[in-house]
PDB file of all heavy atoms in Angstrom:
ATOM      1  N   MET A   1      -8.562  -5.035   4.411  1.00  0.00           N
ATOM      2  CA  MET A   1      -7.409  -5.472   3.588  1.00  0.00           C
ATOM      3  C   MET A   1      -6.738  -4.230   2.945  1.00  0.00           C
ATOM      4  O   MET A   1      -7.497  -3.373   2.397  1.00  0.00           O
ATOM      5  CB  MET A   1      -7.835  -6.454   2.524  1.00  0.00           C
ATOM      6  CG  MET A   1      -6.664  -7.047   1.700  1.00  0.00           C
ATOM      7  SD  MET A   1      -6.173  -6.023   0.290  1.00  0.00           S
ATOM      8  CE  MET A   1      -7.566  -6.250  -0.820  1.00  0.00           C
ATOM      9  N   VAL A   2      -5.470  -4.175   2.969  1.00  0.00           N
ATOM     10  CA  VAL A   2      -4.698  -3.105   2.343  1.00  0.00           C
ATOM     11  C   VAL A   2      -4.026  -3.632   1.103  1.00  0.00           C
ATOM     12  O   VAL A   2      -4.142  -3.008   0.028  1.00  0.00           O
ATOM     13  CB  VAL A   2      -3.677  -2.487   3.290  1.00  0.00           C
ATOM     14  CG1 VAL A   2      -2.824  -1.453   2.581  1.00  0.00           C
ATOM     15  CG2 VAL A   2      -4.323  -1.893   4.494  1.00  0.00           C
ATOM     16  N   ALA A   3      -3.322  -4.732   1.173  1.00  0.00           N
ATOM     17  CA  ALA A   3      -2.594  -5.290   0.060  1.00  0.00           C
ATOM     18  C   ALA A   3      -2.277  -6.752   0.275  1.00  0.00           C
ATOM     19  O   ALA A   3      -2.073  -7.155   1.422  1.00  0.00           O
ATOM     20  CB  ALA A   3      -1.284  -4.506  -0.172  1.00  0.00           C
ATOM     21  N   THR A   4      -2.319  -7.557  -0.777  1.00  0.00           N
ATOM     22  CA  THR A   4      -1.914  -8.955  -0.682  1.00  0.00           C
ATOM     23  C   THR A   4      -0.926  -9.276  -1.782  1.00  0.00           C
ATOM     24  O   THR A   4      -0.890  -8.625  -2.819  1.00  0.00           O
ATOM     25  CB  THR A   4      -3.157  -9.880  -0.787  1.00  0.00           C
ATOM     26  OG1 THR A   4      -3.834  -9.657  -2.026  1.00  0.00           O
ATOM     27  CG2 THR A   4      -4.094  -9.673   0.336  1.00  0.00           C
ATOM     28  N   LEU A   5      -0.161 -10.351  -1.550  1.00  0.00           N
ATOM     29  CA  LEU A   5       0.868 -10.798  -2.479  1.00  0.00           C
ATOM     30  C   LEU A   5       0.909 -12.322  -2.446  1.00  0.00           C
ATOM     31  O   LEU A   5       1.019 -12.927  -1.377  1.00  0.00           O
ATOM     32  CB  LEU A   5       2.206 -10.187  -2.077  1.00  0.00           C
ATOM     33  CG  LEU A   5       3.450 -10.712  -2.876  1.00  0.00           C
ATOM     34  CD1 LEU A   5       3.372 -10.213  -4.311  1.00  0.00           C
ATOM     35  CD2 LEU A   5       4.719 -10.183  -2.190  1.00  0.00           C
ATOM     36  N   THR A   6       0.876 -12.973  -3.636  1.00  0.00           N
ATOM     37  CA  THR A   6       0.956 -14.378  -3.745  1.00  0.00           C
ATOM     38  C   THR A   6       2.358 -14.793  -4.233  1.00  0.00           C
ATOM     39  O   THR A   6       3.159 -13.958  -4.674  1.00  0.00           O
ATOM     40  CB  THR A   6      -0.091 -14.957  -4.675  1.00  0.00           C
ATOM     41  OG1 THR A   6       0.179 -14.492  -6.003  1.00  0.00           O
ATOM     42  CG2 THR A   6      -1.479 -14.525  -4.260  1.00  0.00           C
ATOM     43  N   ASN A   7       2.602 -16.109  -4.189  1.00  0.00           N
ATOM     44  CA  ASN A   7       3.940 -16.593  -4.579  1.00  0.00           C
ATOM     45  C   ASN A   7       4.216 -16.398  -6.067  1.00  0.00           C
ATOM     46  O   ASN A   7       5.324 -16.361  -6.496  1.00  0.00           O
ATOM     47  CB  ASN A   7       4.084 -18.116  -4.234  1.00  0.00           C
ATOM     48  CG  ASN A   7       4.433 -18.350  -2.828  1.00  0.00           C
ATOM     49  OD1 ASN A   7       4.553 -17.421  -2.026  1.00  0.00           O
ATOM     50  ND2 ASN A   7       4.587 -19.609  -2.474  1.00  0.00           N
ATOM     51  N   ASP A   8       3.121 -16.330  -6.869  1.00  0.00           N
ATOM     52  CA  ASP A   8       3.283 -16.074  -8.290  1.00  0.00           C
ATOM     53  C   ASP A   8       3.267 -14.569  -8.615  1.00  0.00           C
ATOM     54  O   ASP A   8       3.107 -14.181  -9.789  1.00  0.00           O
ATOM     55  CB  ASP A   8       2.254 -16.822  -9.146  1.00  0.00           C
ATOM     56  CG  ASP A   8       0.850 -16.315  -8.929  1.00  0.00           C
ATOM     57  OD1 ASP A   8       0.620 -15.411  -8.071  1.00  0.00           O
ATOM     58  OD2 ASP A   8      -0.092 -16.836  -9.602  1.00  0.00           O
ATOM     59  N   ASP A   9       3.458 -13.744  -7.591  1.00  0.00           N
ATOM     60  CA  ASP A   9       3.602 -12.313  -7.737  1.00  0.00           C
ATOM     61  C   ASP A   9       2.345 -11.552  -8.074  1.00  0.00           C
ATOM     62  O   ASP A   9       2.375 -10.423  -8.506  1.00  0.00           O
ATOM     63  CB  ASP A   9       4.696 -11.943  -8.719  1.00  0.00           C
ATOM     64  CG  ASP A   9       6.084 -12.490  -8.321  1.00  0.00           C
ATOM     65  OD1 ASP A   9       6.389 -12.369  -7.124  1.00  0.00           O
ATOM     66  OD2 ASP A   9       6.815 -12.928  -9.183  1.00  0.00           O
ATOM     67  N   THR A  10       1.181 -12.186  -7.868  1.00  0.00           N
ATOM     68  CA  THR A  10      -0.088 -11.508  -8.015  1.00  0.00           C
ATOM     69  C   THR A  10      -0.302 -10.569  -6.827  1.00  0.00           C
ATOM     70  O   THR A  10      -0.153 -10.993  -5.695  1.00  0.00           O
ATOM     71  CB  THR A  10      -1.244 -12.520  -8.103  1.00  0.00           C
ATOM     72  OG1 THR A  10      -1.060 -13.336  -9.294  1.00  0.00           O
ATOM     73  CG2 THR A  10      -2.551 -11.751  -8.254  1.00  0.00           C
ATOM     74  N   THR A  11      -0.621  -9.367  -7.103  1.00  0.00           N
ATOM     75  CA  THR A  11      -0.869  -8.384  -6.061  1.00  0.00           C
ATOM     76  C   THR A  11      -2.319  -7.894  -6.141  1.00  0.00           C
ATOM     77  O   THR A  11      -2.900  -7.890  -7.190  1.00  0.00           O
ATOM     78  CB  THR A  11       0.071  -7.169  -6.122  1.00  0.00           C
ATOM     79  OG1 THR A  11      -0.059  -6.540  -7.412  1.00  0.00           O
ATOM     80  CG2 THR A  11       1.537  -7.601  -5.908  1.00  0.00           C
ATOM     81  N   ASP A  12      -2.827  -7.444  -4.998  1.00  0.00           N
ATOM     82  CA  ASP A  12      -4.122  -6.816  -4.907  1.00  0.00           C
ATOM     83  C   ASP A  12      -4.055  -5.719  -3.872  1.00  0.00           C
ATOM     84  O   ASP A  12      -3.384  -5.887  -2.857  1.00  0.00           O
ATOM     85  CB  ASP A  12      -5.171  -7.867  -4.518  1.00  0.00           C
ATOM     86  CG  ASP A  12      -6.588  -7.332  -4.701  1.00  0.00           C
ATOM     87  OD1 ASP A  12      -6.788  -6.443  -5.533  1.00  0.00           O
ATOM     88  OD2 ASP A  12      -7.512  -7.824  -4.005  1.00  0.00           O
ATOM     89  N   TYR A  13      -4.701  -4.578  -4.194  1.00  0.00           N
ATOM     90  CA  TYR A  13      -4.644  -3.440  -3.324  1.00  0.00           C
ATOM     91  C   TYR A  13      -6.059  -2.889  -3.150  1.00  0.00           C
ATOM     92  O   TYR A  13      -6.878  -2.969  -3.996  1.00  0.00           O
ATOM     93  CB  TYR A  13      -3.794  -2.324  -3.924  1.00  0.00           C
ATOM     94  CG  TYR A  13      -2.344  -2.671  -4.069  1.00  0.00           C
ATOM     95  CD1 TYR A  13      -1.837  -3.170  -5.297  1.00  0.00           C
ATOM     96  CD2 TYR A  13      -1.456  -2.467  -3.040  1.00  0.00           C
ATOM     97  CE1 TYR A  13      -0.494  -3.478  -5.426  1.00  0.00           C
ATOM     98  CE2 TYR A  13      -0.092  -2.794  -3.156  1.00  0.00           C
ATOM     99  CZ  TYR A  13       0.378  -3.268  -4.394  1.00  0.00           C
ATOM    100  OH  TYR A  13       1.700  -3.594  -4.524  1.00  0.00           O
ATOM    101  N   ALA A  14      -6.243  -2.352  -1.942  1.00  0.00           N
ATOM    102  CA  ALA A  14      -7.496  -1.627  -1.702  1.00  0.00           C
ATOM    103  C   ALA A  14      -7.499  -0.378  -2.591  1.00  0.00           C
ATOM    104  O   ALA A  14      -6.474   0.208  -2.874  1.00  0.00           O
ATOM    105  CB  ALA A  14      -7.565  -1.193  -0.260  1.00  0.00           C
ATOM    106  N   ASP A  15      -8.693  -0.009  -3.096  1.00  0.00           N
ATOM    107  CA  ASP A  15      -8.792   1.116  -3.965  1.00  0.00           C
ATOM    108  C   ASP A  15      -8.184   2.389  -3.334  1.00  0.00           C
ATOM    109  O   ASP A  15      -7.592   3.240  -4.034  1.00  0.00           O
ATOM    110  CB  ASP A  15     -10.222   1.385  -4.351  1.00  0.00           C
ATOM    111  CG  ASP A  15     -10.794   0.344  -5.289  1.00  0.00           C
ATOM    112  OD1 ASP A  15      -9.980  -0.373  -5.948  1.00  0.00           O
ATOM    113  OD2 ASP A  15     -12.009   0.278  -5.429  1.00  0.00           O
ATOM    114  N   SER A  16      -8.312   2.503  -2.041  1.00  0.00           N
ATOM    115  CA  SER A  16      -7.848   3.711  -1.369  1.00  0.00           C
ATOM    116  C   SER A  16      -6.335   3.898  -1.348  1.00  0.00           C
ATOM    117  O   SER A  16      -5.848   4.963  -1.084  1.00  0.00           O
ATOM    118  CB  SER A  16      -8.390   3.755   0.070  1.00  0.00           C
ATOM    119  OG  SER A  16      -7.925   2.626   0.808  1.00  0.00           O
ATOM    120  N   VAL A  17      -5.591   2.822  -1.629  1.00  0.00           N
ATOM    121  CA  VAL A  17      -4.145   2.881  -1.574  1.00  0.00           C
ATOM    122  C   VAL A  17      -3.467   2.643  -2.906  1.00  0.00           C
ATOM    123  O   VAL A  17      -2.247   2.701  -3.002  1.00  0.00           O
ATOM    124  CB  VAL A  17      -3.572   1.916  -0.528  1.00  0.00           C
ATOM    125  CG1 VAL A  17      -4.251   2.136   0.863  1.00  0.00           C
ATOM    126  CG2 VAL A  17      -3.659   0.465  -0.947  1.00  0.00           C
ATOM    127  N   LYS A  18      -4.211   2.280  -3.925  1.00  0.00           N
ATOM    128  CA  LYS A  18      -3.603   2.012  -5.238  1.00  0.00           C
ATOM    129  C   LYS A  18      -2.810   3.195  -5.732  1.00  0.00           C
ATOM    130  O   LYS A  18      -3.306   4.353  -5.675  1.00  0.00           O
ATOM    131  CB  LYS A  18      -4.714   1.663  -6.238  1.00  0.00           C
ATOM    132  CG  LYS A  18      -5.286   0.252  -6.078  1.00  0.00           C
ATOM    133  CD  LYS A  18      -6.340  -0.033  -7.143  1.00  0.00           C
ATOM    134  CE  LYS A  18      -6.881  -1.436  -6.991  1.00  0.00           C
ATOM    135  NZ  LYS A  18      -7.976  -1.730  -7.965  1.00  0.00           N
ATOM    136  N   GLY A  19      -1.651   2.902  -6.225  1.00  0.00           N
ATOM    137  CA  GLY A  19      -0.758   3.971  -6.720  1.00  0.00           C
ATOM    138  C   GLY A  19       0.070   4.597  -5.661  1.00  0.00           C
ATOM    139  O   GLY A  19       0.998   5.360  -6.005  1.00  0.00           O
ATOM    140  N   ARG A  20      -0.223   4.307  -4.374  1.00  0.00           N
ATOM    141  CA  ARG A  20       0.573   4.911  -3.306  1.00  0.00           C
ATOM    142  C   ARG A  20       1.313   3.864  -2.498  1.00  0.00           C
ATOM    143  O   ARG A  20       2.416   4.133  -1.982  1.00  0.00           O
ATOM    144  CB  ARG A  20      -0.350   5.679  -2.365  1.00  0.00           C
ATOM    145  CG  ARG A  20      -1.087   6.831  -3.027  1.00  0.00           C
ATOM    146  CD  ARG A  20      -1.794   7.687  -2.015  1.00  0.00           C
ATOM    147  NE  ARG A  20      -2.866   6.943  -1.286  1.00  0.00           N
ATOM    148  CZ  ARG A  20      -2.877   6.718   0.034  1.00  0.00           C
ATOM    149  NH1 ARG A  20      -1.912   7.235   0.770  1.00  0.00           N
ATOM    150  NH2 ARG A  20      -3.866   6.019   0.581  1.00  0.00           N
ATOM    151  N   PHE A  21       0.748   2.665  -2.355  1.00  0.00           N
ATOM    152  CA  PHE A  21       1.358   1.590  -1.540  1.00  0.00           C
ATOM    153  C   PHE A  21       1.865   0.485  -2.443  1.00  0.00           C
ATOM    154  O   PHE A  21       1.272   0.197  -3.492  1.00  0.00           O
ATOM    155  CB  PHE A  21       0.355   0.956  -0.588  1.00  0.00           C
ATOM    156  CG  PHE A  21      -0.069   1.866   0.570  1.00  0.00           C
ATOM    157  CD1 PHE A  21       0.240   3.223   0.578  1.00  0.00           C
ATOM    158  CD2 PHE A  21      -0.796   1.353   1.628  1.00  0.00           C
ATOM    159  CE1 PHE A  21      -0.141   4.027   1.621  1.00  0.00           C
ATOM    160  CE2 PHE A  21      -1.215   2.149   2.680  1.00  0.00           C
ATOM    161  CZ  PHE A  21      -0.881   3.465   2.686  1.00  0.00           C
ATOM    162  N   THR A  22       2.925  -0.178  -2.048  1.00  0.00           N
ATOM    163  CA  THR A  22       3.501  -1.320  -2.782  1.00  0.00           C
ATOM    164  C   THR A  22       3.844  -2.436  -1.802  1.00  0.00           C
ATOM    165  O   THR A  22       4.592  -2.175  -0.827  1.00  0.00           O
ATOM    166  CB  THR A  22       4.739  -0.930  -3.589  1.00  0.00           C
ATOM    167  OG1 THR A  22       4.424   0.124  -4.471  1.00  0.00           O
ATOM    168  CG2 THR A  22       5.250  -2.149  -4.392  1.00  0.00           C
ATOM    169  N   ILE A  23       3.342  -3.622  -2.045  1.00  0.00           N
ATOM    170  CA  ILE A  23       3.709  -4.786  -1.209  1.00  0.00           C
ATOM    171  C   ILE A  23       4.811  -5.585  -1.975  1.00  0.00           C
ATOM    172  O   ILE A  23       4.735  -5.699  -3.196  1.00  0.00           O
ATOM    173  CB  ILE A  23       2.480  -5.667  -0.927  1.00  0.00           C
ATOM    174  CG1 ILE A  23       2.860  -6.818   0.039  1.00  0.00           C
ATOM    175  CG2 ILE A  23       1.847  -6.200  -2.219  1.00  0.00           C
ATOM    176  CD1 ILE A  23       1.624  -7.602   0.496  1.00  0.00           C
ATOM    177  N   SER A  24       5.784  -6.010  -1.230  1.00  0.00           N
ATOM    178  CA  SER A  24       6.852  -6.803  -1.826  1.00  0.00           C
ATOM    179  C   SER A  24       7.424  -7.749  -0.790  1.00  0.00           C
ATOM    180  O   SER A  24       7.024  -7.752   0.395  1.00  0.00           O
ATOM    181  CB  SER A  24       7.996  -5.856  -2.273  1.00  0.00           C
ATOM    182  OG  SER A  24       8.554  -5.107  -1.211  1.00  0.00           O
TER     183      SER A  24
END
């Protein structure tokens, strides 16, 4: 998993990509 996004705008990122990747 790299990143996830829910309908209520909750996001989750793998530690290795935090601060560098953005899901939208």
